[in-house]
Amino acid sequence: MSSAVKNEEDFNTRLDNAKKSLVVVHFWATWAEQCTQMNEVTKELAKKNPNVMFLCVEAEEIPEISLKYEVEAVPTFIFIKNKQKIGRLDGASAPDLTKMVKQHIDTVAPAIHIKADPKEALKNRLKSLINSAPCILFMKGTASQPRCGFSRQMITILNDHNCKYSTFDILEDEAVRQGLKEYSNWPTYPQLYVNGELMGGLDIVRDMAQDGELKDALPLNSSVDQELTLSERIKALLEQNQVILFMKGEPTAPRCGFSRQIVDILNKTGVKYSHFDVFSDEEIRQGLKKYSDWPTYPQLYVAGELLGGLDIVKEMEQQSELKEALMAGSTDS
């Protein structure tokens, strides 16, 4: 079944009624076209998976639930079992949603007619994750925001060696967090994999670095952009774009209400502007907050200087000051 949630009490009641079934919660907004499309996808998935409960939550109408699950943009899908979050999908991707529903069905207590082996399903998922990149680090937190000292030290070592790597936040997926310990026979995190094989944890990687062996074992990052420091990358973006909006999503498909509103305002001015989707680069997303000393998005810059967020831009529009400020920094107005 698939149905809309009325309020927080209604949401909690539905989770209670779900018992051990898989619950997929779609956080959406009426203004986002991509959410409407994904609503149709969830309806089809609900028909094909009658044992799964699909719920729709208007993210901006019931902020208590959005805040609880750290929903910052739409669409976002949260996978829940026994009232515990077991997975998350950000963005509008029907294939990924279909795949994750199938994966997480295998992790719940199967009905009598289901013969799927949860352990085998998890093993296959771990194999897929390990081989998803030539070098992948399973850690606590993200590369830009490690959430333990060991993970932070590992990131520092990899960055110092100009390594090209991906990361997986094991705090976001309890099944992977526990399953990988058994799969790799390695009880702690972080864990570094290269070409599908476990290289080791912090102690081993640190020893290899000290012995001069690590660089030859890692895939090097040849991207000029990624070789730059974070500050240099941000400065380069600002210098290359006279008017640039750092937002959640794209102007044609904003992923939060604030980004949608500021895009509408900018479009009315007729002044050309560039944009940067902060969801496309976690390092920029976190680093720009410190660089600008501005904790939220969207952020609008003109001639390399921060003009402000939605409130300031809205106020400037109301006072008929916005277009003049934008044109002062635009090379093509």
C-alpha atoms as a PDB file:
ATOM      1  CA  MET A   1       0.000   0.000   0.000  1.00  0.00           C
ATOM      2  CA  SER A   2       1.019   3.650  -0.482  1.00  0.00           C
ATOM      3  CA  SER A   3      -0.545   6.543   1.396  1.00  0.00           C
ATOM      4  CA  ALA A   4       0.025  10.083   2.618  1.00  0.00           C
ATOM      5  CA  VAL A   5       0.956  10.827   6.217  1.00  0.00           C
ATOM      6  CA  LYS A   6      -1.236  13.425   7.929  1.00  0.00           C
ATOM      7  CA  ASN A   7       0.946  14.379  10.898  1.00  0.00           C
ATOM      8  CA  GLU A   8       3.622  13.079  13.257  1.00  0.00           C
ATOM      9  CA  GLU A   9       1.138  11.091  15.352  1.00  0.00           C
ATOM     10  CA  ASP A  10      -0.240   9.442  12.225  1.00  0.00           C
ATOM     11  CA  PHE A  11       3.320   8.614  11.126  1.00  0.00           C
ATOM     12  CA  ASN A  12       4.206   6.972  14.456  1.00  0.00           C
ATOM     13  CA  THR A  13       0.977   4.963  14.421  1.00  0.00           C
ATOM     14  CA  ARG A  14       1.764   3.620  10.956  1.00  0.00           C
ATOM     15  CA  LEU A  15       5.256   2.592  12.050  1.00  0.00           C
ATOM     16  CA  ASP A  16       3.719   0.761  15.008  1.00  0.00           C
ATOM     17  CA  ASN A  17       1.315  -1.057  12.686  1.00  0.00           C
ATOM     18  CA  ALA A  18       4.106  -1.987  10.280  1.00  0.00           C
ATOM     19  CA  LYS A  19       5.676  -4.259  12.910  1.00  0.00           C
ATOM     20  CA  LYS A  20       8.538  -6.102  11.150  1.00  0.00           C
ATOM     21  CA  SER A  21       7.597  -5.076   7.625  1.00  0.00           C
ATOM     22  CA  LEU A  22       9.783  -2.823   5.520  1.00  0.00           C
ATOM     23  CA  VAL A  23       8.604   0.809   5.462  1.00  0.00           C
ATOM     24  CA  VAL A  24       9.696   3.156   2.668  1.00  0.00           C
ATOM     25  CA  VAL A  25       9.069   6.833   3.399  1.00  0.00           C
ATOM     26  CA  HIS A  26       9.073   9.293   0.493  1.00  0.00           C
ATOM     27  CA  PHE A  27       9.771  12.859   1.638  1.00  0.00           C
ATOM     28  CA  TRP A  28       8.437  15.113  -1.118  1.00  0.00           C
ATOM     29  CA  ALA A  29       7.058  18.544  -1.959  1.00  0.00           C
ATOM     30  CA  THR A  30       4.153  19.560  -4.177  1.00  0.00           C
ATOM     31  CA  TRP A  31       6.270  22.112  -6.072  1.00  0.00           C
ATOM     32  CA  ALA A  32       8.942  19.604  -7.134  1.00  0.00           C
ATOM     33  CA  GLU A  33       8.170  17.917 -10.453  1.00  0.00           C
ATOM     34  CA  GLN A  34      10.698  15.153  -9.780  1.00  0.00           C
ATOM     35  CA  CYS A  35       8.780  14.273  -6.595  1.00  0.00           C
ATOM     36  CA  THR A  36       5.549  13.885  -8.546  1.00  0.00           C
ATOM     37  CA  GLN A  37       7.342  11.511 -10.901  1.00  0.00           C
ATOM     38  CA  MET A  38       8.742   9.482  -8.005  1.00  0.00           C
ATOM     39  CA  ASN A  39       5.279   9.299  -6.438  1.00  0.00           C
ATOM     40  CA  GLU A  40       4.186   7.387  -9.537  1.00  0.00           C
ATOM     41  CA  VAL A  41       7.199   5.099  -9.141  1.00  0.00           C
ATOM     42  CA  THR A  42       6.305   4.349  -5.520  1.00  0.00           C
ATOM     43  CA  LYS A  43       2.730   3.542  -6.523  1.00  0.00           C
ATOM     44  CA  GLU A  44       3.988   0.931  -8.994  1.00  0.00           C
ATOM     45  CA  LEU A  45       6.420  -0.483  -6.435  1.00  0.00           C
ATOM     46  CA  ALA A  46       3.609  -0.695  -3.894  1.00  0.00           C
ATOM     47  CA  LYS A  47       1.551  -2.786  -6.330  1.00  0.00           C
ATOM     48  CA  LYS A  48       4.471  -5.149  -6.911  1.00  0.00           C
ATOM     49  CA  ASN A  49       5.470  -5.337  -3.231  1.00  0.00           C
ATOM     50  CA  PRO A  50       2.283  -5.675  -1.151  1.00  0.00           C
ATOM     51  CA  ASN A  51       4.293  -6.594   1.976  1.00  0.00           C
ATOM     52  CA  VAL A  52       6.089  -3.232   1.923  1.00  0.00           C
ATOM     53  CA  MET A  53       4.499  -0.115   3.422  1.00  0.00           C
ATOM     54  CA  PHE A  54       5.068   3.005   1.309  1.00  0.00           C
ATOM     55  CA  LEU A  55       4.402   6.340   3.001  1.00  0.00           C
ATOM     56  CA  CYS A  56       4.479   9.867   1.582  1.00  0.00           C
ATOM     57  CA  VAL A  57       5.490  12.783   3.828  1.00  0.00           C
ATOM     58  CA  GLU A  58       5.324  16.407   2.646  1.00  0.00           C
ATOM     59  CA  ALA A  59       8.734  17.443   3.948  1.00  0.00           C
ATOM     60  CA  GLU A  60       7.944  21.117   4.502  1.00  0.00           C
ATOM     61  CA  GLU A  61       4.449  20.508   5.897  1.00  0.00           C
ATOM     62  CA  ILE A  62       5.543  18.075   8.634  1.00  0.00           C
ATOM     63  CA  PRO A  63       9.008  19.409   9.594  1.00  0.00           C
ATOM     64  CA  GLU A  64       9.144  17.358  12.805  1.00  0.00           C
ATOM     65  CA  ILE A  65       9.523  14.153  10.805  1.00  0.00           C
ATOM     66  CA  SER A  66      11.896  15.723   8.276  1.00  0.00           C
ATOM     67  CA  LEU A  67      14.138  16.969  11.072  1.00  0.00           C
ATOM     68  CA  LYS A  68      14.170  13.577  12.785  1.00  0.00           C
ATOM     69  CA  TYR A  69      15.464  11.873   9.646  1.00  0.00           C
ATOM     70  CA  GLU A  70      17.771  14.764   8.644  1.00  0.00           C
ATOM     71  CA  VAL A  71      15.921  15.421   5.387  1.00  0.00           C
ATOM     72  CA  GLU A  72      17.400  18.507   3.734  1.00  0.00           C
ATOM     73  CA  ALA A  73      16.044  18.124   0.213  1.00  0.00           C
ATOM     74  CA  VAL A  74      13.397  16.399  -1.842  1.00  0.00           C
ATOM     75  CA  PRO A  75      12.940  13.767  -2.942  1.00  0.00           C
ATOM     76  CA  THR A  76      14.494  11.699  -0.157  1.00  0.00           C
ATOM     77  CA  PHE A  77      13.617   8.105   0.655  1.00  0.00           C
ATOM     78  CA  ILE A  78      14.124   6.607   4.123  1.00  0.00           C
ATOM     79  CA  PHE A  79      13.985   2.829   4.663  1.00  0.00           C
ATOM     80  CA  ILE A  80      12.753   1.730   8.086  1.00  0.00           C
ATOM     81  CA  LYS A  81      12.444  -1.620   9.853  1.00  0.00           C
ATOM     82  CA  ASN A  82      11.273  -2.058  13.436  1.00  0.00           C
ATOM     83  CA  LYS A  83      11.196   1.754  13.740  1.00  0.00           C
ATOM     84  CA  GLN A  84      14.932   1.906  12.944  1.00  0.00           C
ATOM     85  CA  LYS A  85      16.388   3.538   9.836  1.00  0.00           C
ATOM     86  CA  ILE A  86      18.228   0.924   7.764  1.00  0.00           C
ATOM     87  CA  GLY A  87      18.841   2.853   4.542  1.00  0.00           C
ATOM     88  CA  ARG A  88      18.530   6.128   2.675  1.00  0.00           C
ATOM     89  CA  LEU A  89      18.289   7.334  -0.924  1.00  0.00           C
ATOM     90  CA  ASP A  90      18.680  11.005  -1.858  1.00  0.00           C
ATOM     91  CA  GLY A  91      17.392  12.165  -5.227  1.00  0.00           C
ATOM     92  CA  ALA A  92      15.050  11.025  -7.974  1.00  0.00           C
ATOM     93  CA  SER A  93      16.307   7.731  -9.375  1.00  0.00           C
ATOM     94  CA  ALA A  94      13.696   5.103 -10.153  1.00  0.00           C
ATOM     95  CA  PRO A  95      16.296   2.337 -10.823  1.00  0.00           C
ATOM     96  CA  ASP A  96      18.104   3.024  -7.535  1.00  0.00           C
ATOM     97  CA  LEU A  97      14.839   3.109  -5.581  1.00  0.00           C
ATOM     98  CA  THR A  98      13.688  -0.159  -7.140  1.00  0.00           C
ATOM     99  CA  LYS A  99      17.059  -1.748  -6.390  1.00  0.00           C
ATOM    100  CA  MET A 100      17.123  -0.584  -2.774  1.00  0.00           C
ATOM    101  CA  VAL A 101      13.561  -1.746  -2.119  1.00  0.00           C
ATOM    102  CA  LYS A 102      14.560  -5.195  -3.354  1.00  0.00           C
ATOM    103  CA  GLN A 103      17.730  -5.173  -1.260  1.00  0.00           C
ATOM    104  CA  HIS A 104      16.004  -4.138   1.929  1.00  0.00           C
ATOM    105  CA  ILE A 105      13.138  -6.562   1.499  1.00  0.00           C
ATOM    106  CA  ASP A 106      15.802  -9.229   1.852  1.00  0.00           C
ATOM    107  CA  THR A 107      16.917  -7.786   5.179  1.00  0.00           C
ATOM    108  CA  VAL A 108      13.540  -7.994   6.902  1.00  0.00           C
ATOM    109  CA  ALA A 109      12.069 -11.098   8.499  1.00  0.00           C
ATOM    110  CA  PRO A 110      10.657 -12.946   5.460  1.00  0.00           C
ATOM    111  CA  ALA A 111       7.081 -14.139   5.246  1.00  0.00           C
ATOM    112  CA  ILE A 112       6.539 -17.866   4.919  1.00  0.00           C
ATOM    113  CA  HIS A 113       6.329 -17.732   1.128  1.00  0.00           C
ATOM    114  CA  ILE A 114       9.573 -15.737   0.796  1.00  0.00           C
ATOM    115  CA  LYS A 115      12.653 -17.913   0.358  1.00  0.00           C
ATOM    116  CA  ALA A 116      15.240 -15.151   0.125  1.00  0.00           C
ATOM    117  CA  ASP A 117      18.311 -15.635   2.327  1.00  0.00           C
ATOM    118  CA  PRO A 118      19.014 -12.338   4.142  1.00  0.00           C
ATOM    119  CA  LYS A 119      22.661 -13.256   4.808  1.00  0.00           C
ATOM    120  CA  GLU A 120      23.304 -14.073   1.181  1.00  0.00           C
ATOM    121  CA  ALA A 121      21.586 -10.875   0.066  1.00  0.00           C
ATOM    122  CA  LEU A 122      23.742  -8.827   2.432  1.00  0.00           C
ATOM    123  CA  LYS A 123      26.874 -10.630   1.262  1.00  0.00           C
ATOM    124  CA  ASN A 124      26.066  -9.803  -2.362  1.00  0.00           C
ATOM    125  CA  ARG A 125      25.393  -6.204  -1.424  1.00  0.00           C
ATOM    126  CA  LEU A 126      28.728  -5.914   0.373  1.00  0.00           C
ATOM    127  CA  LYS A 127      30.538  -7.356  -2.649  1.00  0.00           C
ATOM    128  CA  SER A 128      28.842  -4.785  -4.855  1.00  0.00           C
ATOM    129  CA  LEU A 129      29.807  -1.918  -2.546  1.00  0.00           C
ATOM    130  CA  ILE A 130      33.417  -3.044  -2.221  1.00  0.00           C
ATOM    131  CA  ASN A 131      33.773  -3.213  -5.988  1.00  0.00           C
ATOM    132  CA  SER A 132      31.888   0.026  -6.668  1.00  0.00           C
ATOM    133  CA  ALA A 133      35.170   1.986  -6.895  1.00  0.00           C
ATOM    134  CA  PRO A 134      38.868   1.105  -7.366  1.00  0.00           C
ATOM    135  CA  CYS A 135      39.505   2.481  -3.877  1.00  0.00           C
ATOM    136  CA  ILE A 136      36.763   2.792  -1.279  1.00  0.00           C
ATOM    137  CA  LEU A 137      36.950   3.676   2.390  1.00  0.00           C
ATOM    138  CA  PHE A 138      34.288   2.431   4.791  1.00  0.00           C
ATOM    139  CA  MET A 139      34.358   5.009   7.557  1.00  0.00           C
ATOM    140  CA  LYS A 140      32.368   6.858  10.192  1.00  0.00           C
ATOM    141  CA  GLY A 141      31.115  10.053   8.582  1.00  0.00           C
ATOM    142  CA  THR A 142      32.183  11.563   5.276  1.00  0.00           C
ATOM    143  CA  ALA A 143      35.500  12.672   3.815  1.00  0.00           C
ATOM    144  CA  SER A 144      34.704  16.286   4.677  1.00  0.00           C
ATOM    145  CA  GLN A 145      33.160  15.454   8.053  1.00  0.00           C
ATOM    146  CA  PRO A 146      34.744  12.375   9.676  1.00  0.00           C
ATOM    147  CA  ARG A 147      32.924  11.331  12.827  1.00  0.00           C
ATOM    148  CA  CYS A 148      35.754   9.576  14.631  1.00  0.00           C
ATOM    149  CA  GLY A 149      39.466  10.248  15.104  1.00  0.00           C
ATOM    150  CA  PHE A 150      40.593   7.109  13.282  1.00  0.00           C
ATOM    151  CA  SER A 151      38.500   7.968  10.209  1.00  0.00           C
ATOM    152  CA  ARG A 152      39.848  11.509  10.254  1.00  0.00           C
ATOM    153  CA  GLN A 153      43.451  10.258  10.359  1.00  0.00           C
ATOM    154  CA  MET A 154      42.795   7.858   7.481  1.00  0.00           C
ATOM    155  CA  ILE A 155      41.322  10.647   5.336  1.00  0.00           C
ATOM    156  CA  THR A 156      44.362  12.799   6.053  1.00  0.00           C
ATOM    157  CA  ILE A 157      46.728  10.033   4.945  1.00  0.00           C
ATOM    158  CA  LEU A 158      44.804   9.353   1.722  1.00  0.00           C
ATOM    159  CA  ASN A 159      44.623  13.057   0.879  1.00  0.00           C
ATOM    160  CA  ASP A 160      48.334  13.506   1.600  1.00  0.00           C
ATOM    161  CA  HIS A 161      49.055  10.708  -0.886  1.00  0.00           C
ATOM    162  CA  ASN A 162      46.844  12.295  -3.569  1.00  0.00           C
ATOM    163  CA  CYS A 163      44.678   9.187  -3.593  1.00  0.00           C
ATOM    164  CA  LYS A 164      41.521   8.950  -5.671  1.00  0.00           C
ATOM    165  CA  TYR A 165      38.953   7.257  -3.446  1.00  0.00           C
ATOM    166  CA  SER A 166      35.280   6.946  -2.608  1.00  0.00           C
ATOM    167  CA  THR A 167      33.769   6.674   0.858  1.00  0.00           C
ATOM    168  CA  PHE A 168      30.824   4.928   2.501  1.00  0.00           C
ATOM    169  CA  ASP A 169      29.413   6.194   5.793  1.00  0.00           C
ATOM    170  CA  ILE A 170      28.737   3.059   7.837  1.00  0.00           C
ATOM    171  CA  LEU A 171      26.774   5.107  10.386  1.00  0.00           C
ATOM    172  CA  GLU A 172      24.075   5.546   7.721  1.00  0.00           C
ATOM    173  CA  ASP A 173      23.534   1.810   7.213  1.00  0.00           C
ATOM    174  CA  GLU A 174      23.553  -0.516  10.207  1.00  0.00           C
ATOM    175  CA  ALA A 175      23.321  -3.660   8.075  1.00  0.00           C
ATOM    176  CA  VAL A 176      26.512  -2.760   6.208  1.00  0.00           C
ATOM    177  CA  ARG A 177      28.220  -1.612   9.397  1.00  0.00           C
ATOM    178  CA  GLN A 178      27.750  -4.933  11.144  1.00  0.00           C
ATOM    179  CA  GLY A 179      27.878  -7.180   8.089  1.00  0.00           C
ATOM    180  CA  LEU A 180      31.196  -5.883   6.780  1.00  0.00           C
ATOM    181  CA  LYS A 181      32.942  -6.752  10.052  1.00  0.00           C
ATOM    182  CA  GLU A 182      32.044 -10.403   9.560  1.00  0.00           C
ATOM    183  CA  TYR A 183      32.546 -10.357   5.798  1.00  0.00           C
ATOM    184  CA  SER A 184      36.074  -8.956   6.056  1.00  0.00           C
ATOM    185  CA  ASN A 185      36.906 -10.538   9.420  1.00  0.00           C
ATOM    186  CA  TRP A 186      37.963  -7.073  10.536  1.00  0.00           C
ATOM    187  CA  PRO A 187      36.198  -5.828  13.689  1.00  0.00           C
ATOM    188  CA  THR A 188      36.832  -2.070  13.515  1.00  0.00           C
ATOM    189  CA  TYR A 189      36.529   0.962  11.261  1.00  0.00           C
ATOM    190  CA  PRO A 190      37.781   2.524   9.063  1.00  0.00           C
ATOM    191  CA  GLN A 191      38.425  -0.220   6.482  1.00  0.00           C
ATOM    192  CA  LEU A 192      40.170   0.530   3.177  1.00  0.00           C
ATOM    193  CA  TYR A 193      39.573  -1.594   0.069  1.00  0.00           C
ATOM    194  CA  VAL A 194      41.587  -1.411  -3.144  1.00  0.00           C
ATOM    195  CA  ASN A 195      40.452  -3.289  -6.264  1.00  0.00           C
ATOM    196  CA  GLY A 196      37.946  -5.279  -4.229  1.00  0.00           C
ATOM    197  CA  GLU A 197      40.453  -6.443  -1.613  1.00  0.00           C
ATOM    198  CA  LEU A 198      40.817  -5.326   1.991  1.00  0.00           C
ATOM    199  CA  MET A 199      44.050  -3.391   2.480  1.00  0.00           C
ATOM    200  CA  GLY A 200      43.457  -2.873   6.170  1.00  0.00           C
ATOM    201  CA  GLY A 201      42.600  -0.373   8.848  1.00  0.00           C
ATOM    202  CA  LEU A 202      44.364   2.734  10.078  1.00  0.00           C
ATOM    203  CA  ASP A 203      47.373   0.942  11.634  1.00  0.00           C
ATOM    204  CA  ILE A 204      48.249  -0.957   8.457  1.00  0.00           C
ATOM    205  CA  VAL A 205      47.715   2.014   6.162  1.00  0.00           C
ATOM    206  CA  ARG A 206      49.758   4.234   8.476  1.00  0.00           C
ATOM    207  CA  ASP A 207      52.621   1.696   8.542  1.00  0.00           C
ATOM    208  CA  MET A 208      52.563   1.451   4.744  1.00  0.00           C
ATOM    209  CA  ALA A 209      52.715   5.224   4.515  1.00  0.00           C
ATOM    210  CA  GLN A 210      55.700   5.376   6.857  1.00  0.00           C
ATOM    211  CA  ASP A 211      57.489   2.642   4.888  1.00  0.00           C
ATOM    212  CA  GLY A 212      56.862   4.425   1.590  1.00  0.00           C
ATOM    213  CA  GLU A 213      54.754   1.544   0.262  1.00  0.00           C
ATOM    214  CA  LEU A 214      51.346   3.175   0.267  1.00  0.00           C
ATOM    215  CA  LYS A 215      51.631   5.432  -2.770  1.00  0.00           C
ATOM    216  CA  ASP A 216      52.308   2.528  -5.132  1.00  0.00           C
ATOM    217  CA  ALA A 217      49.327   0.604  -3.733  1.00  0.00           C
ATOM    218  CA  LEU A 218      46.768   3.385  -4.215  1.00  0.00           C
ATOM    219  CA  PRO A 219      45.095   4.758  -7.354  1.00  0.00           C
ATOM    220  CA  LEU A 220      46.341   8.303  -7.771  1.00  0.00           C
ATOM    221  CA  ASN A 221      44.093  11.265  -8.373  1.00  0.00           C
ATOM    222  CA  SER A 222      45.081  12.948 -11.629  1.00  0.00           C
ATOM    223  CA  SER A 223      42.267  15.523 -11.521  1.00  0.00           C
ATOM    224  CA  VAL A 224      43.670  19.037 -11.318  1.00  0.00           C
ATOM    225  CA  ASP A 225      40.572  20.231  -9.493  1.00  0.00           C
ATOM    226  CA  GLN A 226      40.922  17.658  -6.761  1.00  0.00           C
ATOM    227  CA  GLU A 227      44.618  18.380  -6.348  1.00  0.00           C
ATOM    228  CA  LEU A 228      43.734  21.928  -5.399  1.00  0.00           C
ATOM    229  CA  THR A 229      43.067  22.771  -1.788  1.00  0.00           C
ATOM    230  CA  LEU A 230      39.435  23.270  -0.866  1.00  0.00           C
ATOM    231  CA  SER A 231      39.930  27.012  -0.471  1.00  0.00           C
ATOM    232  CA  GLU A 232      41.525  27.204  -3.920  1.00  0.00           C
ATOM    233  CA  ARG A 233      38.645  25.249  -5.459  1.00  0.00           C
ATOM    234  CA  ILE A 234      36.079  27.603  -3.944  1.00  0.00           C
ATOM    235  CA  LYS A 235      38.018  30.678  -5.037  1.00  0.00           C
ATOM    236  CA  ALA A 236      38.300  29.287  -8.567  1.00  0.00           C
ATOM    237  CA  LEU A 237      34.511  28.778  -8.736  1.00  0.00           C
ATOM    238  CA  LEU A 238      33.879  32.321  -7.565  1.00  0.00           C
ATOM    239  CA  GLU A 239      36.438  33.835  -9.959  1.00  0.00           C
ATOM    240  CA  GLN A 240      35.087  31.926 -12.960  1.00  0.00           C
ATOM    241  CA  ASN A 241      31.469  32.954 -12.353  1.00  0.00           C
ATOM    242  CA  GLN A 242      30.501  36.582 -11.845  1.00  0.00           C
ATOM    243  CA  VAL A 243      27.083  35.656 -10.479  1.00  0.00           C
ATOM    244  CA  ILE A 244      26.784  32.155  -9.021  1.00  0.00           C
ATOM    245  CA  LEU A 245      24.149  30.482  -6.894  1.00  0.00           C
ATOM    246  CA  PHE A 246      25.142  27.581  -4.635  1.00  0.00           C
ATOM    247  CA  MET A 247      21.916  25.649  -4.204  1.00  0.00           C
ATOM    248  CA  LYS A 248      20.374  22.251  -3.561  1.00  0.00           C
ATOM    249  CA  GLY A 249      19.598  20.734  -6.946  1.00  0.00           C
ATOM    250  CA  GLU A 250      19.380  22.458 -10.325  1.00  0.00           C
ATOM    251  CA  PRO A 251      17.435  25.617 -11.302  1.00  0.00           C
ATOM    252  CA  THR A 252      15.112  23.401 -13.348  1.00  0.00           C
ATOM    253  CA  ALA A 253      14.774  20.890 -10.494  1.00  0.00           C
ATOM    254  CA  PRO A 254      15.405  22.489  -7.066  1.00  0.00           C
ATOM    255  CA  ARG A 255      15.539  20.028  -4.182  1.00  0.00           C
ATOM    256  CA  CYS A 256      14.495  22.312  -1.345  1.00  0.00           C
ATOM    257  CA  GLY A 257      11.896  25.029  -0.961  1.00  0.00           C
ATOM    258  CA  PHE A 258      14.450  27.756  -0.216  1.00  0.00           C
ATOM    259  CA  SER A 259      16.413  26.958  -3.384  1.00  0.00           C
ATOM    260  CA  ARG A 260      13.196  26.950  -5.395  1.00  0.00           C
ATOM    261  CA  GLN A 261      12.184  30.373  -4.077  1.00  0.00           C
ATOM    262  CA  ILE A 262      15.544  32.012  -4.771  1.00  0.00           C
ATOM    263  CA  VAL A 263      15.605  30.581  -8.314  1.00  0.00           C
ATOM    264  CA  ASP A 264      12.160  32.051  -8.958  1.00  0.00           C
ATOM    265  CA  ILE A 265      13.354  35.445  -7.742  1.00  0.00           C
ATOM    266  CA  LEU A 266      16.548  35.377  -9.826  1.00  0.00           C
ATOM    267  CA  ASN A 267      14.699  34.280 -12.948  1.00  0.00           C
ATOM    268  CA  LYS A 268      12.377  37.277 -12.644  1.00  0.00           C
ATOM    269  CA  THR A 269      15.340  39.672 -12.781  1.00  0.00           C
ATOM    270  CA  GLY A 270      16.371  38.434 -16.228  1.00  0.00           C
ATOM    271  CA  VAL A 271      20.038  38.550 -15.188  1.00  0.00           C
ATOM    272  CA  LYS A 272      22.113  35.539 -16.212  1.00  0.00           C
ATOM    273  CA  TYR A 273      23.686  33.521 -13.427  1.00  0.00           C
ATOM    274  CA  SER A 274      25.580  30.282 -12.949  1.00  0.00           C
ATOM    275  CA  HIS A 275      24.753  27.652 -10.369  1.00  0.00           C
ATOM    276  CA  PHE A 276      26.435  24.884  -8.397  1.00  0.00           C
ATOM    277  CA  ASP A 277      24.549  21.907  -6.956  1.00  0.00           C
ATOM    278  CA  VAL A 278      26.036  21.415  -3.475  1.00  0.00           C
ATOM    279  CA  PHE A 279      24.714  17.845  -3.462  1.00  0.00           C
ATOM    280  CA  SER A 280      27.164  17.050  -6.264  1.00  0.00           C
ATOM    281  CA  ASP A 281      30.229  17.728  -4.112  1.00  0.00           C
ATOM    282  CA  GLU A 282      30.201  17.053  -0.369  1.00  0.00           C
ATOM    283  CA  GLU A 283      33.556  18.766   0.119  1.00  0.00           C
ATOM    284  CA  ILE A 284      32.300  22.029  -1.413  1.00  0.00           C
ATOM    285  CA  ARG A 285      28.977  21.685   0.408  1.00  0.00           C
ATOM    286  CA  GLN A 286      30.634  21.587   3.831  1.00  0.00           C
ATOM    287  CA  GLY A 287      33.660  23.743   3.041  1.00  0.00           C
ATOM    288  CA  LEU A 288      31.729  26.689   1.645  1.00  0.00           C
ATOM    289  CA  LYS A 289      29.857  27.058   4.942  1.00  0.00           C
ATOM    290  CA  LYS A 290      33.161  27.730   6.712  1.00  0.00           C
ATOM    291  CA  TYR A 291      34.603  29.767   3.850  1.00  0.00           C
ATOM    292  CA  SER A 292      31.633  32.139   3.821  1.00  0.00           C
ATOM    293  CA  ASP A 293      30.743  31.826   7.504  1.00  0.00           C
ATOM    294  CA  TRP A 294      27.191  31.182   6.309  1.00  0.00           C
ATOM    295  CA  PRO A 295      25.696  27.912   7.621  1.00  0.00           C
ATOM    296  CA  THR A 296      22.820  27.314   5.201  1.00  0.00           C
ATOM    297  CA  TYR A 297      21.937  27.058   1.519  1.00  0.00           C
ATOM    298  CA  PRO A 298      21.219  28.617  -0.919  1.00  0.00           C
ATOM    299  CA  GLN A 299      24.080  31.126  -1.068  1.00  0.00           C
ATOM    300  CA  LEU A 300      24.325  33.777  -3.807  1.00  0.00           C
ATOM    301  CA  TYR A 301      27.680  35.323  -4.791  1.00  0.00           C
ATOM    302  CA  VAL A 302      28.293  38.375  -6.963  1.00  0.00           C
ATOM    303  CA  ALA A 303      31.813  39.250  -8.177  1.00  0.00           C
ATOM    304  CA  GLY A 304      33.310  36.791  -5.712  1.00  0.00           C
ATOM    305  CA  GLU A 305      31.497  38.207  -2.687  1.00  0.00           C
ATOM    306  CA  LEU A 306      28.629  36.660  -0.763  1.00  0.00           C
ATOM    307  CA  LEU A 307      25.424  38.599  -1.366  1.00  0.00           C
ATOM    308  CA  GLY A 308      23.418  36.425   1.014  1.00  0.00           C
ATOM    309  CA  GLY A 309      20.832  33.696   1.312  1.00  0.00           C
ATOM    310  CA  LEU A 310      17.117  33.645   0.548  1.00  0.00           C
ATOM    311  CA  ASP A 311      16.067  36.161   3.214  1.00  0.00           C
ATOM    312  CA  ILE A 312      18.524  38.823   2.061  1.00  0.00           C
ATOM    313  CA  VAL A 313      17.807  38.263  -1.628  1.00  0.00           C
ATOM    314  CA  LYS A 314      14.069  38.406  -0.981  1.00  0.00           C
ATOM    315  CA  GLU A 315      14.454  41.636   0.970  1.00  0.00           C
ATOM    316  CA  MET A 316      16.594  43.195  -1.792  1.00  0.00           C
ATOM    317  CA  GLU A 317      13.962  42.244  -4.363  1.00  0.00           C
ATOM    318  CA  GLN A 318      11.219  43.862  -2.315  1.00  0.00           C
ATOM    319  CA  GLN A 319      13.293  47.052  -2.083  1.00  0.00           C
ATOM    320  CA  SER A 320      14.057  46.958  -5.835  1.00  0.00           C
ATOM    321  CA  GLU A 321      17.802  46.665  -5.143  1.00  0.00           C
ATOM    322  CA  LEU A 322      18.455  43.125  -6.377  1.00  0.00           C
ATOM    323  CA  LYS A 323      18.690  43.554 -10.139  1.00  0.00           C
ATOM    324  CA  GLU A 324      21.136  46.443  -9.846  1.00  0.00           C
ATOM    325  CA  ALA A 325      23.342  44.406  -7.499  1.00  0.00           C
ATOM    326  CA  LEU A 326      23.315  41.432  -9.852  1.00  0.00           C
ATOM    327  CA  MET A 327      24.064  43.513 -12.938  1.00  0.00           C
ATOM    328  CA  ALA A 328      27.055  45.046 -11.170  1.00  0.00           C
ATOM    329  CA  GLY A 329      28.625  41.593 -11.112  1.00  0.00           C
ATOM    330  CA  SER A 330      27.251  40.191 -14.358  1.00  0.00           C
ATOM    331  CA  THR A 331      29.305  40.200 -17.540  1.00  0.00           C
ATOM    332  CA  ASP A 332      26.231  39.432 -19.617  1.00  0.00           C
ATOM    333  CA  SER A 333      23.072  41.064 -18.390  1.00  0.00           C
END
